[in-house]
Amino acid sequence: MNRIFQYCKDSYSELAHNITWPSRQELMHSALVVLIASILIALVVFAEDTLFETIMDFIYRN
């Protein structure tokens, strides 16, 4: 039980004192990059899905 308590104490100390947290500006910039990348990937997947659906409709209707 003592080892679990020591692990929790060390984990808290690591989070509170040893980690360099990003500034608000860095965090907002990173979030914007992730948002834009996610939207672009979603648009590419949507375009591919639409293209493949069109091709399959053409193949199976003829």
PDB file of N, CA and C in Angstrom:
ATOM      1  N   MET A   1       0.820  -1.185   0.000  1.00  0.00           N
ATOM      2  CA  MET A   1       0.000   0.000   0.000  1.00  0.00           C
ATOM      3  C   MET A   1       0.868   1.255   0.000  1.00  0.00           C
ATOM      4  N   ASN A   2       1.997   1.170   0.675  1.00  0.00           N
ATOM      5  CA  ASN A   2       2.918   2.296   0.750  1.00  0.00           C
ATOM      6  C   ASN A   2       3.482   2.631  -0.632  1.00  0.00           C
ATOM      7  N   ARG A   3       3.713   1.595  -1.446  1.00  0.00           N
ATOM      8  CA  ARG A   3       4.255   1.824  -2.795  1.00  0.00           C
ATOM      9  C   ARG A   3       3.246   2.565  -3.664  1.00  0.00           C
ATOM     10  N   ILE A   4       1.953   2.251  -3.525  1.00  0.00           N
ATOM     11  CA  ILE A   4       0.910   2.934  -4.292  1.00  0.00           C
ATOM     12  C   ILE A   4       0.848   4.407  -3.892  1.00  0.00           C
ATOM     13  N   PHE A   5       0.897   4.667  -2.584  1.00  0.00           N
ATOM     14  CA  PHE A   5       0.875   6.041  -2.106  1.00  0.00           C
ATOM     15  C   PHE A   5       2.092   6.818  -2.617  1.00  0.00           C
ATOM     16  N   GLN A   6       3.249   6.190  -2.565  1.00  0.00           N
ATOM     17  CA  GLN A   6       4.471   6.841  -3.048  1.00  0.00           C
ATOM     18  C   GLN A   6       4.390   7.101  -4.554  1.00  0.00           C
ATOM     19  N   TYR A   7       3.828   6.177  -5.309  1.00  0.00           N
ATOM     20  CA  TYR A   7       3.652   6.362  -6.754  1.00  0.00           C
ATOM     21  C   TYR A   7       2.747   7.564  -7.041  1.00  0.00           C
ATOM     22  N   CYS A   8       1.637   7.662  -6.332  1.00  0.00           N
ATOM     23  CA  CYS A   8       0.720   8.792  -6.517  1.00  0.00           C
ATOM     24  C   CYS A   8       1.394  10.103  -6.155  1.00  0.00           C
ATOM     25  N   LYS A   9       2.137  10.111  -5.066  1.00  0.00           N
ATOM     26  CA  LYS A   9       2.845  11.311  -4.627  1.00  0.00           C
ATOM     27  C   LYS A   9       3.885  11.729  -5.671  1.00  0.00           C
ATOM     28  N   ASP A  10       4.650  10.775  -6.177  1.00  0.00           N
ATOM     29  CA  ASP A  10       5.655  11.074  -7.194  1.00  0.00           C
ATOM     30  C   ASP A  10       5.011  11.545  -8.505  1.00  0.00           C
ATOM     31  N   SER A  11       3.894  10.946  -8.866  1.00  0.00           N
ATOM     32  CA  SER A  11       3.193  11.353 -10.089  1.00  0.00           C
ATOM     33  C   SER A  11       2.712  12.792  -9.985  1.00  0.00           C
ATOM     34  N   TYR A  12       2.133  13.143  -8.840  1.00  0.00           N
ATOM     35  CA  TYR A  12       1.679  14.521  -8.634  1.00  0.00           C
ATOM     36  C   TYR A  12       2.861  15.496  -8.690  1.00  0.00           C
ATOM     37  N   SER A  13       3.945  15.127  -8.058  1.00  0.00           N
ATOM     38  CA  SER A  13       5.130  15.985  -8.050  1.00  0.00           C
ATOM     39  C   SER A  13       5.652  16.187  -9.471  1.00  0.00           C
ATOM     40  N   GLU A  14       5.656  15.131 -10.252  1.00  0.00           N
ATOM     41  CA  GLU A  14       6.096  15.225 -11.652  1.00  0.00           C
ATOM     42  C   GLU A  14       5.200  16.177 -12.440  1.00  0.00           C
ATOM     43  N   LEU A  15       3.894  16.041 -12.279  1.00  0.00           N
ATOM     44  CA  LEU A  15       2.959  16.908 -13.000  1.00  0.00           C
ATOM     45  C   LEU A  15       3.045  18.356 -12.537  1.00  0.00           C
ATOM     46  N   ALA A  16       3.227  18.563 -11.261  1.00  0.00           N
ATOM     47  CA  ALA A  16       3.191  19.917 -10.715  1.00  0.00           C
ATOM     48  C   ALA A  16       4.498  20.679 -10.905  1.00  0.00           C
ATOM     49  N   HIS A  17       5.617  19.974 -10.927  1.00  0.00           N
ATOM     50  CA  HIS A  17       6.894  20.685 -10.880  1.00  0.00           C
ATOM     51  C   HIS A  17       7.828  20.442 -12.064  1.00  0.00           C
ATOM     52  N   ASN A  18       7.757  19.313 -12.728  1.00  0.00           N
ATOM     53  CA  ASN A  18       8.763  18.982 -13.732  1.00  0.00           C
ATOM     54  C   ASN A  18       8.301  19.135 -15.165  1.00  0.00           C
ATOM     55  N   ILE A  19       7.004  19.268 -15.390  1.00  0.00           N
ATOM     56  CA  ILE A  19       6.487  19.372 -16.745  1.00  0.00           C
ATOM     57  C   ILE A  19       6.403  20.831 -17.146  1.00  0.00           C
ATOM     58  N   THR A  20       6.849  21.132 -18.363  1.00  0.00           N
ATOM     59  CA  THR A  20       6.722  22.484 -18.898  1.00  0.00           C
ATOM     60  C   THR A  20       5.430  22.549 -19.686  1.00  0.00           C
ATOM     61  N   TRP A  21       4.459  23.280 -19.181  1.00  0.00           N
ATOM     62  CA  TRP A  21       3.165  23.389 -19.829  1.00  0.00           C
ATOM     63  C   TRP A  21       3.228  24.461 -20.907  1.00  0.00           C
ATOM     64  N   PRO A  22       2.499  24.267 -22.014  1.00  0.00           N
ATOM     65  CA  PRO A  22       2.513  25.284 -23.070  1.00  0.00           C
ATOM     66  C   PRO A  22       1.787  26.552 -22.629  1.00  0.00           C
ATOM     67  N   SER A  23       2.197  27.663 -23.243  1.00  0.00           N
ATOM     68  CA  SER A  23       1.491  28.907 -22.953  1.00  0.00           C
ATOM     69  C   SER A  23       0.115  28.867 -23.615  1.00  0.00           C
ATOM     70  N   ARG A  24      -0.734  29.804 -23.240  1.00  0.00           N
ATOM     71  CA  ARG A  24      -2.076  29.853 -23.825  1.00  0.00           C
ATOM     72  C   ARG A  24      -1.991  30.052 -25.336  1.00  0.00           C
ATOM     73  N   GLN A  25      -1.063  30.898 -25.783  1.00  0.00           N
ATOM     74  CA  GLN A  25      -0.915  31.161 -27.222  1.00  0.00           C
ATOM     75  C   GLN A  25      -0.453  29.899 -27.961  1.00  0.00           C
ATOM     76  N   GLU A  26       0.500  29.178 -27.404  1.00  0.00           N
ATOM     77  CA  GLU A  26       0.955  27.931 -28.017  1.00  0.00           C
ATOM     78  C   GLU A  26      -0.163  26.896 -28.068  1.00  0.00           C
ATOM     79  N   LEU A  27      -0.928  26.828 -26.995  1.00  0.00           N
ATOM     80  CA  LEU A  27      -2.034  25.880 -26.927  1.00  0.00           C
ATOM     81  C   LEU A  27      -3.103  26.201 -27.968  1.00  0.00           C
ATOM     82  N   MET A  28      -3.448  27.476 -28.109  1.00  0.00           N
ATOM     83  CA  MET A  28      -4.450  27.891 -29.091  1.00  0.00           C
ATOM     84  C   MET A  28      -3.951  27.620 -30.509  1.00  0.00           C
ATOM     85  N   HIS A  29      -2.675  27.876 -30.758  1.00  0.00           N
ATOM     86  CA  HIS A  29      -2.110  27.618 -32.084  1.00  0.00           C
ATOM     87  C   HIS A  29      -2.147  26.128 -32.406  1.00  0.00           C
ATOM     88  N   SER A  30      -1.754  25.316 -31.455  1.00  0.00           N
ATOM     89  CA  SER A  30      -1.772  23.864 -31.673  1.00  0.00           C
ATOM     90  C   SER A  30      -3.198  23.357 -31.898  1.00  0.00           C
ATOM     91  N   ALA A  31      -4.142  23.877 -31.129  1.00  0.00           N
ATOM     92  CA  ALA A  31      -5.539  23.464 -31.291  1.00  0.00           C
ATOM     93  C   ALA A  31      -6.057  23.860 -32.665  1.00  0.00           C
ATOM     94  N   LEU A  32      -5.672  25.037 -33.149  1.00  0.00           N
ATOM     95  CA  LEU A  32      -6.091  25.486 -34.479  1.00  0.00           C
ATOM     96  C   LEU A  32      -5.505  24.593 -35.562  1.00  0.00           C
ATOM     97  N   VAL A  33      -4.244  24.224 -35.422  1.00  0.00           N
ATOM     98  CA  VAL A  33      -3.612  23.327 -36.395  1.00  0.00           C
ATOM     99  C   VAL A  33      -4.334  21.980 -36.429  1.00  0.00           C
ATOM    100  N   VAL A  34      -4.658  21.438 -35.265  1.00  0.00           N
ATOM    101  CA  VAL A  34      -5.364  20.156 -35.197  1.00  0.00           C
ATOM    102  C   VAL A  34      -6.754  20.278 -35.815  1.00  0.00           C
ATOM    103  N   LEU A  35      -7.445  21.371 -35.542  1.00  0.00           N
ATOM    104  CA  LEU A  35      -8.783  21.582 -36.100  1.00  0.00           C
ATOM    105  C   LEU A  35      -8.735  21.651 -37.625  1.00  0.00           C
ATOM    106  N   ILE A  36      -7.805  22.425 -38.160  1.00  0.00           N
ATOM    107  CA  ILE A  36      -7.695  22.559 -39.615  1.00  0.00           C
ATOM    108  C   ILE A  36      -7.315  21.223 -40.260  1.00  0.00           C
ATOM    109  N   ALA A  37      -6.364  20.522 -39.660  1.00  0.00           N
ATOM    110  CA  ALA A  37      -5.963  19.220 -40.197  1.00  0.00           C
ATOM    111  C   ALA A  37      -7.129  18.234 -40.160  1.00  0.00           C
ATOM    112  N   SER A  38      -7.904  18.243 -39.096  1.00  0.00           N
ATOM    113  CA  SER A  38      -9.055  17.337 -38.988  1.00  0.00           C
ATOM    114  C   SER A  38     -10.096  17.642 -40.053  1.00  0.00           C
ATOM    115  N   ILE A  39     -10.352  18.923 -40.284  1.00  0.00           N
ATOM    116  CA  ILE A  39     -11.322  19.303 -41.313  1.00  0.00           C
ATOM    117  C   ILE A  39     -10.827  18.895 -42.695  1.00  0.00           C
ATOM    118  N   LEU A  40      -9.545  19.120 -42.980  1.00  0.00           N
ATOM    119  CA  LEU A  40      -8.997  18.732 -44.282  1.00  0.00           C
ATOM    120  C   LEU A  40      -9.070  17.225 -44.496  1.00  0.00           C
ATOM    121  N   ILE A  41      -8.726  16.455 -43.490  1.00  0.00           N
ATOM    122  CA  ILE A  41      -8.788  14.997 -43.609  1.00  0.00           C
ATOM    123  C   ILE A  41     -10.232  14.548 -43.813  1.00  0.00           C
ATOM    124  N   ALA A  42     -11.167  15.157 -43.090  1.00  0.00           N
ATOM    125  CA  ALA A  42     -12.587  14.810 -43.260  1.00  0.00           C
ATOM    126  C   ALA A  42     -13.054  15.122 -44.674  1.00  0.00           C
ATOM    127  N   LEU A  43     -12.622  16.246 -45.226  1.00  0.00           N
ATOM    128  CA  LEU A  43     -13.008  16.601 -46.595  1.00  0.00           C
ATOM    129  C   LEU A  43     -12.418  15.633 -47.617  1.00  0.00           C
ATOM    130  N   VAL A  44     -11.180  15.213 -47.418  1.00  0.00           N
ATOM    131  CA  VAL A  44     -10.558  14.242 -48.322  1.00  0.00           C
ATOM    132  C   VAL A  44     -11.298  12.913 -48.260  1.00  0.00           C
ATOM    133  N   VAL A  45     -11.617  12.448 -47.070  1.00  0.00           N
ATOM    134  CA  VAL A  45     -12.346  11.185 -46.926  1.00  0.00           C
ATOM    135  C   VAL A  45     -13.732  11.301 -47.560  1.00  0.00           C
ATOM    136  N   PHE A  46     -14.404  12.419 -47.369  1.00  0.00           N
ATOM    137  CA  PHE A  46     -15.712  12.643 -47.983  1.00  0.00           C
ATOM    138  C   PHE A  46     -15.612  12.608 -49.507  1.00  0.00           C
ATOM    139  N   ALA A  47     -14.594  13.273 -50.066  1.00  0.00           N
ATOM    140  CA  ALA A  47     -14.414  13.296 -51.516  1.00  0.00           C
ATOM    141  C   ALA A  47     -14.134  11.891 -52.054  1.00  0.00           C
ATOM    142  N   GLU A  48     -13.273  11.145 -51.365  1.00  0.00           N
ATOM    143  CA  GLU A  48     -12.982   9.771 -51.802  1.00  0.00           C
ATOM    144  C   GLU A  48     -14.229   8.902 -51.728  1.00  0.00           C
ATOM    145  N   ASP A  49     -15.001   9.029 -50.683  1.00  0.00           N
ATOM    146  CA  ASP A  49     -16.213   8.242 -50.520  1.00  0.00           C
ATOM    147  C   ASP A  49     -17.211   8.562 -51.634  1.00  0.00           C
ATOM    148  N   THR A  50     -17.365   9.840 -51.926  1.00  0.00           N
ATOM    149  CA  THR A  50     -18.279  10.250 -52.993  1.00  0.00           C
ATOM    150  C   THR A  50     -17.805   9.719 -54.342  1.00  0.00           C
ATOM    151  N   LEU A  51     -16.505   9.807 -54.594  1.00  0.00           N
ATOM    152  CA  LEU A  51     -15.944   9.304 -55.851  1.00  0.00           C
ATOM    153  C   LEU A  51     -16.170   7.800 -55.984  1.00  0.00           C
ATOM    154  N   PHE A  52     -15.859   7.042 -54.944  1.00  0.00           N
ATOM    155  CA  PHE A  52     -16.038   5.596 -55.009  1.00  0.00           C
ATOM    156  C   PHE A  52     -17.509   5.216 -55.137  1.00  0.00           C
ATOM    157  N   GLU A  53     -18.386   5.953 -54.488  1.00  0.00           N
ATOM    158  CA  GLU A  53     -19.813   5.690 -54.613  1.00  0.00           C
ATOM    159  C   GLU A  53     -20.272   5.917 -56.055  1.00  0.00           C
ATOM    160  N   THR A  54     -19.790   6.986 -56.675  1.00  0.00           N
ATOM    161  CA  THR A  54     -20.134   7.280 -58.066  1.00  0.00           C
ATOM    162  C   THR A  54     -19.617   6.189 -59.004  1.00  0.00           C
ATOM    163  N   ILE A  55     -18.403   5.762 -58.779  1.00  0.00           N
ATOM    164  CA  ILE A  55     -17.820   4.697 -59.608  1.00  0.00           C
ATOM    165  C   ILE A  55     -18.620   3.409 -59.449  1.00  0.00           C
ATOM    166  N   MET A  56     -18.958   3.046 -58.225  1.00  0.00           N
ATOM    167  CA  MET A  56     -19.713   1.814 -57.988  1.00  0.00           C
ATOM    168  C   MET A  56     -21.112   1.903 -58.604  1.00  0.00           C
ATOM    169  N   ASP A  57     -21.761   3.061 -58.501  1.00  0.00           N
ATOM    170  CA  ASP A  57     -23.064   3.232 -59.150  1.00  0.00           C
ATOM    171  C   ASP A  57     -22.945   3.032 -60.653  1.00  0.00           C
ATOM    172  N   PHE A  58     -21.892   3.587 -61.239  1.00  0.00           N
ATOM    173  CA  PHE A  58     -21.685   3.455 -62.690  1.00  0.00           C
ATOM    174  C   PHE A  58     -21.455   1.994 -63.071  1.00  0.00           C
ATOM    175  N   ILE A  59     -20.650   1.286 -62.283  1.00  0.00           N
ATOM    176  CA  ILE A  59     -20.339  -0.117 -62.595  1.00  0.00           C
ATOM    177  C   ILE A  59     -21.577  -1.002 -62.457  1.00  0.00           C
ATOM    178  N   TYR A  60     -22.329  -0.854 -61.392  1.00  0.00           N
ATOM    179  CA  TYR A  60     -23.430  -1.772 -61.131  1.00  0.00           C
ATOM    180  C   TYR A  60     -24.716  -1.420 -61.873  1.00  0.00           C
ATOM    181  N   ARG A  61     -24.855  -0.213 -62.369  1.00  0.00           N
ATOM    182  CA  ARG A  61     -26.047   0.144 -63.136  1.00  0.00           C
ATOM    183  C   ARG A  61     -25.923  -0.253 -64.597  1.00  0.00           C
ATOM    184  N   ASN A  62     -24.711  -0.419 -65.063  1.00  0.00           N
ATOM    185  CA  ASN A  62     -24.510  -0.786 -66.486  1.00  0.00           C
ATOM    186  C   ASN A  62     -24.181  -2.228 -66.650  1.00  0.00           C
TER     187      ASN A  62
END
